[in-house]
Structures are given as structure tokens and as C-alpha cells.
């Protein structure tokens, strides 16, 4: 499931990777109020496209969390694979490696992080904000409606898994990056949005607390 808002440059390649994975039955792209033809490009690439009426639930600028919820609702799958629409260098081998531990029963949540090279060992142990992950449907449906809040959704999913003391697998997607907010909105606006995002994520993780994070670390296995 791919939430997408104005990602016309990269959404087709992400759809193609997802469609090529042995673990993916259907690719759903949720067009979260795009104005650049993202939905049309995703449809042409072979995805099922769900279009959100942005603003219908008070999120005039779009909401990643509500887009993901719309995608889950449009699927009957028991396992949901999430991927962001702005990935660069993303390949089928990355997605298959993320899915395998969950399908084999080794993890309830399996994730892939961007390749930060020197920083990878540290990033793998941070509270994970990566959008590339697989979870059972019930994990997403266990999120309270008031927690379906924009880009903090990944931390919220992690908190659900950690509170249930469930096994997690993480790995680096070697060579994978993404189009940053600076690429999308320009230097100043991009930095402003990036700092606001990190502030919101930090504020949310303080709500869940250190104990939840320690449970997450205890049940985390890092694969290479």
C-alpha cells in the first residue's frame, strides 16, 4: 500500500517494484489529494488507485495516516505492506527482504530503513520512522482513531507492536534514499517542514514513553 501526494516523479517506479515482489498480491496507491497527476501515473503503472477527498476530515493539506487508513480499508489482505511513494534506488530485492521475516513467522513487524552509511547502526536502533514495513492488518486497525495523525503514524504502529511485546526485524535497504522535503519544497521551506516533522515525532514518542521503546529494543532483531 502506497500513500502518495504529489509524487509523480517516483510513484511509478515504486509501483513497479511492489508489483514485482513475490509477496505482493495487489498494489494500492492512495492519491492523497495530488495536483500533479500522481494518481494517473500510478494507475498507468498497474496500481489500483484510491483517491482521497482531501479536507473531508479536516486535513486540508493531506494526511499520510488517513491515506494509509483508506488503503487498508480498500484491501482485504491480512498482511499489509507499506511503502512510501518518494523512494529512490528501491528494488524488488529490498522489498522481498523486508517481507520475508514476517511471512516466515520470524517477526510481527519487519522494516527497511534508508541507507545512511556510517550512521546505519545508530539509525537501526532509533524509534523507527521508516515507511517501508509489513505488519498484520490487526496492528494498523488497533491504532486509536485519534492517533491517525499525519506522518507520526509509523511511530504509532511501532508503539502498538512494542506494547504487545512482539518480535520486530529491521534491516538497511542498501543504496535506497528518497526525495527529501528540500527537493520537493525548496531549501528554506524544506528545512522548516523537516524540523517540524522531527519535533512532532519527538513529542509523540515522549507520550509513549521510555518503557515502550525499551520493549521495542528488546524484541528487535537486526538483519543484514
Foldseek 3Di string as FASTA:
>chain_A
DEEDAQLQPFQLVVLLLQVPAPVHDAAEYEHFPHDPCNQVSSVVSPHHYHYDPQCPVPRNPGAPLVSVVVVLVVDPDQKDWWAYRFKDPDHNVLLNVQCVCCVVVNFQKGFEDECPDVCVVVQQLDQDQHRGMMHGSVLSVPQPPVPSGGSLVSSSSLLSCLVVLTAYEYEYPPPMDGQALCNVPNDPVRVVVVVVVVVVNVVVVVVSHDSSSVSSNVRYDYDD
